[in-house]
Amino acid sequence: MQFAPNGTESHIGIFLKSLFGKAISSTLWGLTLEGHCEVVHEYRVTRPSVLLVLQREGTSSAHLKNEDLVSNQSDSVTFVSFPNASDASILFGGGSTIDSIILGFSLTFMTNLLQGSSSELHPVIWDSLFDDINTPHEASFTMDSATADRLFKEFRRTDEKGPDASGHYESRVREVITRFFYSSPASSNPIGGKMVNRIENAKSIIKRDLGKPFNLRSIAEEVGCSSAYLSRNFSQQESRTIRQFLRETRIAKAKELLERGDLNTSETCLEIGYRSLSHFSKAFQEEVGMLPLEYRSKHGKGTK
């Protein structure tokens, strides 16, 4: 599905309007979706991107290789990064009324834009842009009704045309980034005992399934909550994202295996869930300060 700049179309019950830019070529673009649709429609991500989904009504989902990364609920803003556009998409419709605005950024553009203030970013956003950049990330934020009404009204103003429109949309986009990208993951409400138990269970599942592909949705279902709710509360409770915990746990296990000396570097990589030796080596070096092969030579049994 392609959207021409400032174009509109009615697509089987969904009214689409491109606000600015071209989704397939611009470094920054935006579109608005309104209406009711019985069937599920898919927007394909065509290149490494960061998407912001502002949702006032209905639900939509971000998917990667059939994995539901995060569901976007009413009155929410959802951040999703797709470092590799292959098999990435946003799904909407499916028997629901949808009222959404999607803002898209090329990954390079977003990284350059936020580099000067990276230390102040929400940890999930910092992780996706400056640390674990080869992994998809997601974060959800609540948007109060008054803010949602105002932002949607401003983005959908029909009198913004010509040169003035660029400045208008730029101001709105910067407001969204400032309001949500720098939001603290901590909530003013303490996490209850039930959620603490879910977080501990999630940590146990990650350790149990360390060698399997990471699936946040599956973990959330097993502990009994949504993936967005688990991700948000995990960050608050642990002062790190769930993906940071996964990485730290994988590297800790890798050190243990390399010290035993039973497995070589490639075998260790697969044993702890990495499918790319280069990604494993890079993560290991960043966490430990040396490459896996060097660590095994220095600390592995029978290798001295």
Protein backbone atom coordinates (compact mmCIF):
# COMPACT_ATOMS: atom_id res chain seq x y z
CA MET A 1 0.00 0.00 0.00
CA GLN A 2 1.51 3.35 -1.02
CA PHE A 3 0.44 6.83 0.03
CA ALA A 4 1.07 9.87 -2.13
CA PRO A 5 1.83 13.11 -0.24
CA ASN A 6 -1.30 15.04 0.69
CA GLY A 7 -3.42 12.44 -1.09
CA THR A 8 -6.59 10.78 0.17
CA GLU A 9 -8.38 7.56 -0.57
CA SER A 10 -11.15 5.42 0.85
CA HIS A 11 -9.93 1.86 1.26
CA ILE A 12 -12.70 -0.65 2.04
CA GLY A 13 -14.13 1.41 4.88
CA ILE A 14 -10.88 3.04 6.01
CA PHE A 15 -10.33 6.67 5.03
CA LEU A 16 -6.62 7.31 4.48
CA LYS A 17 -4.87 10.64 4.12
CA SER A 18 -1.18 11.26 3.67
CA LEU A 19 -0.28 14.27 5.81
CA PHE A 20 3.26 14.81 4.57
CA GLY A 21 6.11 12.92 2.91
CA LYS A 22 6.10 9.60 1.08
CA ALA A 23 6.16 6.43 3.15
CA ILE A 24 8.34 4.61 0.61
CA SER A 25 11.02 7.29 0.13
CA SER A 26 10.91 10.20 2.63
CA THR A 27 13.01 10.35 5.80
CA LEU A 28 9.92 11.68 7.62
CA TRP A 29 6.29 11.04 6.74
CA GLY A 30 2.84 10.90 8.30
CA LEU A 31 -0.58 9.52 7.52
CA THR A 32 -3.98 9.43 9.18
CA LEU A 33 -6.50 6.57 9.24
CA GLU A 34 -10.20 6.79 10.14
CA GLY A 35 -13.18 4.50 9.73
CA HIS A 36 -14.56 1.02 10.34
CA CYS A 37 -13.28 -2.03 8.54
CA GLU A 38 -14.31 -5.68 8.90
CA VAL A 39 -11.20 -7.19 7.32
CA VAL A 40 -7.57 -6.84 8.45
CA HIS A 41 -5.37 -4.57 6.34
CA GLU A 42 -1.61 -4.47 6.35
CA TYR A 43 0.84 -1.62 5.94
CA ARG A 44 4.24 -3.01 4.92
CA VAL A 45 7.41 -1.41 6.26
CA THR A 46 9.74 -1.11 3.28
CA ARG A 47 13.03 -0.07 4.93
CA PRO A 48 14.68 0.29 8.38
CA SER A 49 12.30 2.61 10.21
CA VAL A 50 10.99 4.00 13.45
CA LEU A 51 7.20 4.27 13.67
CA LEU A 52 5.08 6.21 16.13
CA VAL A 53 1.44 5.09 16.24
CA LEU A 54 -0.93 7.57 17.89
CA GLN A 55 -4.11 5.68 18.64
CA ARG A 56 -7.30 7.44 19.72
CA GLU A 57 -9.74 4.61 19.03
CA GLY A 58 -9.57 0.96 18.03
CA THR A 59 -6.51 -1.30 17.92
CA SER A 60 -3.66 -1.97 15.57
CA SER A 61 -0.62 -4.22 15.86
CA ALA A 62 3.03 -4.15 14.87
CA HIS A 63 4.27 -7.48 13.51
CA LEU A 64 7.63 -8.93 12.58
CA LYS A 65 7.83 -12.36 10.91
CA ASN A 66 4.38 -13.25 12.28
CA GLU A 67 5.37 -12.25 15.83
CA ASP A 68 3.04 -9.71 17.43
CA LEU A 69 5.52 -7.18 18.81
CA VAL A 70 2.96 -4.88 20.40
CA SER A 71 -0.73 -4.03 20.19
CA ASN A 72 -1.67 -0.36 20.11
CA GLN A 73 -4.63 0.43 22.35
CA SER A 74 -6.94 3.45 22.52
CA ASP A 75 -5.46 6.73 23.83
CA SER A 76 -1.89 5.50 23.47
CA VAL A 77 1.34 6.31 21.67
CA THR A 78 3.42 3.33 20.60
CA PHE A 79 7.06 3.44 19.51
CA VAL A 80 8.28 0.59 17.28
CA SER A 81 11.68 0.25 15.64
CA PHE A 82 12.25 -2.01 12.63
CA PRO A 83 16.03 -2.22 12.00
CA ASN A 84 15.40 -4.72 9.22
CA ALA A 85 12.26 -4.08 7.17
CA SER A 86 11.95 -7.70 6.03
CA ASP A 87 8.57 -9.14 7.09
CA ALA A 88 7.66 -6.05 9.17
CA SER A 89 4.19 -4.54 9.06
CA ILE A 90 1.41 -2.67 10.86
CA LEU A 91 -2.01 -4.37 10.89
CA PHE A 92 -5.30 -2.51 11.35
CA GLY A 93 -9.01 -3.09 10.84
CA GLY A 94 -10.40 -6.53 11.56
CA GLY A 95 -13.89 -5.57 12.67
CA SER A 96 -12.94 -2.46 14.61
CA THR A 97 -13.27 1.28 14.21
CA ILE A 98 -9.85 2.82 13.75
CA ASP A 99 -8.76 6.37 14.52
CA SER A 100 -4.98 6.62 14.22
CA ILE A 101 -2.08 8.75 13.10
CA ILE A 102 1.15 7.03 12.04
CA LEU A 103 4.41 8.97 11.94
CA GLY A 104 7.35 7.32 10.22
CA PHE A 105 11.06 8.12 10.34
CA SER A 106 14.02 6.51 8.65
CA LEU A 107 16.21 4.86 11.27
CA THR A 108 19.24 6.93 10.25
CA PHE A 109 17.28 10.18 10.44
CA MET A 110 15.98 9.40 13.94
CA THR A 111 19.41 8.36 15.22
CA ASN A 112 21.00 11.58 13.97
CA LEU A 113 18.14 13.69 15.33
CA LEU A 114 18.38 12.34 18.88
CA GLN A 115 22.11 11.70 19.17
CA GLY A 116 22.80 14.91 21.08
CA SER A 117 20.30 14.09 23.82
CA SER A 118 20.61 10.29 23.86
CA SER A 119 21.39 10.09 27.59
CA GLU A 120 17.96 11.53 28.44
CA LEU A 121 15.91 9.15 26.30
CA HIS A 122 13.49 6.51 27.52
CA PRO A 123 15.62 3.33 27.93
CA VAL A 124 13.76 1.34 25.27
CA ILE A 125 14.22 4.12 22.72
CA TRP A 126 17.87 4.58 23.63
CA ASP A 127 18.40 0.84 23.35
CA SER A 128 16.83 0.68 19.87
CA LEU A 129 18.84 3.60 18.45
CA PHE A 130 22.21 3.46 20.19
CA ASP A 131 22.79 0.02 21.72
CA ASP A 132 20.96 -3.10 20.55
CA ILE A 133 20.31 -1.60 17.13
CA ASN A 134 19.85 -4.87 15.24
CA THR A 135 16.82 -5.95 17.30
CA PRO A 136 13.23 -4.65 16.96
CA HIS A 137 12.05 -2.69 20.00
CA GLU A 138 8.73 -1.38 21.24
CA ALA A 139 7.43 0.92 23.97
CA SER A 140 3.90 2.13 24.77
CA PHE A 141 2.82 5.31 26.52
CA THR A 142 -0.57 6.43 27.75
CA MET A 143 -1.97 9.58 26.15
CA ASP A 144 -4.65 11.45 28.06
CA SER A 145 -7.85 12.28 26.17
CA ALA A 146 -7.24 16.02 26.13
CA THR A 147 -3.78 15.60 24.63
CA ALA A 148 -5.09 13.08 22.10
CA ASP A 149 -7.92 15.39 20.99
CA ARG A 150 -5.57 18.35 20.57
CA LEU A 151 -2.84 16.46 18.71
CA PHE A 152 -5.29 14.77 16.34
CA LYS A 153 -6.99 18.11 15.64
CA GLU A 154 -3.65 19.80 14.93
CA PHE A 155 -2.36 17.04 12.67
CA ARG A 156 -5.61 16.98 10.71
CA ARG A 157 -5.99 20.70 10.13
CA THR A 158 -7.16 21.17 6.56
CA ASP A 159 -5.93 24.76 6.24
CA GLU A 160 -2.25 23.80 6.35
CA LYS A 161 -0.99 23.98 2.78
CA GLY A 162 2.07 25.13 0.91
CA PRO A 163 5.28 26.28 2.64
CA ASP A 164 3.55 26.93 5.98
CA ALA A 165 2.46 23.30 6.24
CA SER A 166 6.04 22.07 6.64
CA GLY A 167 6.66 24.21 9.72
CA HIS A 168 3.29 23.26 11.20
CA TYR A 169 3.88 19.50 10.92
CA GLU A 170 7.48 19.81 12.08
CA SER A 171 6.28 21.53 15.27
CA ARG A 172 3.70 18.82 15.92
CA VAL A 173 6.23 16.01 15.35
CA ARG A 174 8.77 17.64 17.66
CA GLU A 175 6.09 18.01 20.32
CA VAL A 176 5.28 14.30 20.15
CA ILE A 177 8.97 13.37 20.37
CA THR A 178 9.59 15.70 23.31
CA ARG A 179 6.49 14.58 25.19
CA PHE A 180 6.92 10.82 24.81
CA PHE A 181 10.51 9.93 23.85
CA TYR A 182 11.85 11.47 27.04
CA SER A 183 9.13 10.13 29.31
CA SER A 184 10.37 8.24 32.33
CA PRO A 185 9.47 4.55 32.23
CA ALA A 186 8.71 4.77 35.95
CA SER A 187 5.12 5.32 36.94
CA SER A 188 3.92 7.23 39.96
CA ASN A 189 2.00 4.11 40.91
CA PRO A 190 4.00 1.33 42.59
CA ILE A 191 3.98 -2.10 40.97
CA GLY A 192 1.73 -4.51 42.82
CA GLY A 193 2.75 -7.93 44.10
CA LYS A 194 0.94 -9.73 41.29
CA MET A 195 2.91 -7.83 38.66
CA VAL A 196 6.17 -8.42 40.53
CA ASN A 197 5.44 -12.16 40.36
CA ARG A 198 4.76 -11.87 36.63
CA ILE A 199 8.09 -10.13 36.11
CA GLU A 200 9.94 -12.82 38.07
CA ASN A 201 8.13 -15.50 36.07
CA ALA A 202 9.08 -13.73 32.84
CA LYS A 203 12.73 -13.73 33.91
CA SER A 204 12.52 -17.46 34.65
CA ILE A 205 10.97 -18.13 31.23
CA ILE A 206 13.73 -16.17 29.50
CA LYS A 207 16.36 -18.23 31.32
CA ARG A 208 14.50 -21.45 30.56
CA ASP A 209 14.14 -20.70 26.84
CA LEU A 210 17.45 -18.92 26.36
CA GLY A 211 18.35 -20.92 23.27
CA LYS A 212 15.03 -20.21 21.54
CA PRO A 213 14.10 -17.10 19.49
CA PHE A 214 12.86 -14.35 21.82
CA ASN A 215 9.08 -13.92 21.64
CA LEU A 216 7.71 -11.20 23.93
CA ARG A 217 4.09 -12.00 23.10
CA SER A 218 4.51 -15.65 24.06
CA ILE A 219 6.17 -14.75 27.36
CA ALA A 220 3.44 -12.23 28.18
CA GLU A 221 0.72 -14.79 27.46
CA GLU A 222 2.42 -17.34 29.72
CA VAL A 223 2.61 -14.91 32.66
CA GLY A 224 -0.93 -13.63 32.06
CA CYS A 225 -0.75 -10.06 30.71
CA SER A 226 -0.24 -8.09 27.49
CA SER A 227 3.21 -7.67 25.98
CA ALA A 228 3.06 -3.87 26.28
CA TYR A 229 2.03 -4.07 29.95
CA LEU A 230 4.79 -6.55 30.75
CA SER A 231 7.42 -4.51 28.90
CA ARG A 232 6.47 -1.26 30.62
CA ASN A 233 6.35 -2.71 34.15
CA PHE A 234 9.51 -4.76 33.63
CA SER A 235 11.42 -1.56 32.81
CA GLN A 236 10.02 0.14 35.90
CA GLN A 237 10.76 -2.74 38.26
CA GLU A 238 14.19 -3.72 36.91
CA SER A 239 15.51 -0.30 35.75
CA ARG A 240 16.37 -1.95 32.43
CA THR A 241 14.35 -3.18 29.49
CA ILE A 242 13.34 -6.80 29.06
CA ARG A 243 15.62 -7.03 26.03
CA GLN A 244 18.54 -5.69 28.07
CA PHE A 245 17.87 -8.42 30.63
CA LEU A 246 17.78 -11.00 27.82
CA ARG A 247 21.11 -9.81 26.48
CA GLU A 248 22.77 -9.76 29.92
CA THR A 249 21.43 -13.24 30.69
CA ARG A 250 22.64 -14.61 27.35
CA ILE A 251 26.13 -13.18 27.83
CA ALA A 252 26.34 -14.48 31.40
CA LYS A 253 25.44 -17.96 30.14
CA ALA A 254 27.96 -17.62 27.31
CA LYS A 255 30.73 -16.84 29.80
CA GLU A 256 29.81 -19.95 31.77
CA LEU A 257 29.88 -22.16 28.67
CA LEU A 258 33.15 -20.70 27.41
CA GLU A 259 34.76 -21.21 30.81
CA ARG A 260 33.81 -24.90 30.76
CA GLY A 261 35.54 -25.25 27.42
CA ASP A 262 33.11 -27.89 26.10
CA LEU A 263 31.77 -25.75 23.24
CA ASN A 264 33.53 -23.57 20.70
CA THR A 265 32.45 -20.00 20.00
CA SER A 266 29.98 -20.88 17.23
CA GLU A 267 28.35 -23.61 19.31
CA THR A 268 28.08 -21.25 22.28
CA CYS A 269 26.46 -18.63 20.05
CA LEU A 270 23.68 -21.03 19.01
CA GLU A 271 23.28 -22.47 22.51
CA ILE A 272 22.30 -19.09 23.98
CA GLY A 273 19.89 -18.06 21.22
CA TYR A 274 21.98 -15.94 18.84
CA ARG A 275 21.63 -16.83 15.18
CA SER A 276 24.44 -14.57 14.00
CA LEU A 277 28.02 -15.08 15.20
CA SER A 278 28.90 -11.46 14.40
CA HIS A 279 25.99 -10.15 16.51
CA PHE A 280 26.98 -12.47 19.37
CA SER A 281 30.63 -11.40 19.20
CA LYS A 282 29.70 -7.72 19.17
CA ALA A 283 27.31 -8.07 22.13
CA PHE A 284 29.83 -10.15 24.08
CA GLN A 285 32.62 -7.63 23.53
CA GLU A 286 30.38 -4.75 24.61
CA GLU A 287 29.38 -6.58 27.82
CA VAL A 288 32.68 -8.25 28.73
CA GLY A 289 35.34 -6.12 27.08
CA MET A 290 36.82 -8.86 24.89
CA LEU A 291 35.76 -11.18 22.09
CA PRO A 292 34.33 -14.64 22.95
CA LEU A 293 37.31 -16.47 21.44
CA GLU A 294 39.72 -14.38 23.51
CA TYR A 295 37.65 -14.99 26.65
CA ARG A 296 37.62 -18.76 26.04
CA SER A 297 41.41 -18.76 25.51
CA LYS A 298 41.98 -16.93 28.78
CA HIS A 299 39.35 -18.57 31.01
CA GLY A 300 38.33 -21.86 29.41
CA LYS A 301 39.30 -25.16 31.06
CA GLY A 302 41.98 -27.03 29.17
CA THR A 303 42.76 -24.06 26.90
CA LYS A 304 45.58 -22.55 28.92
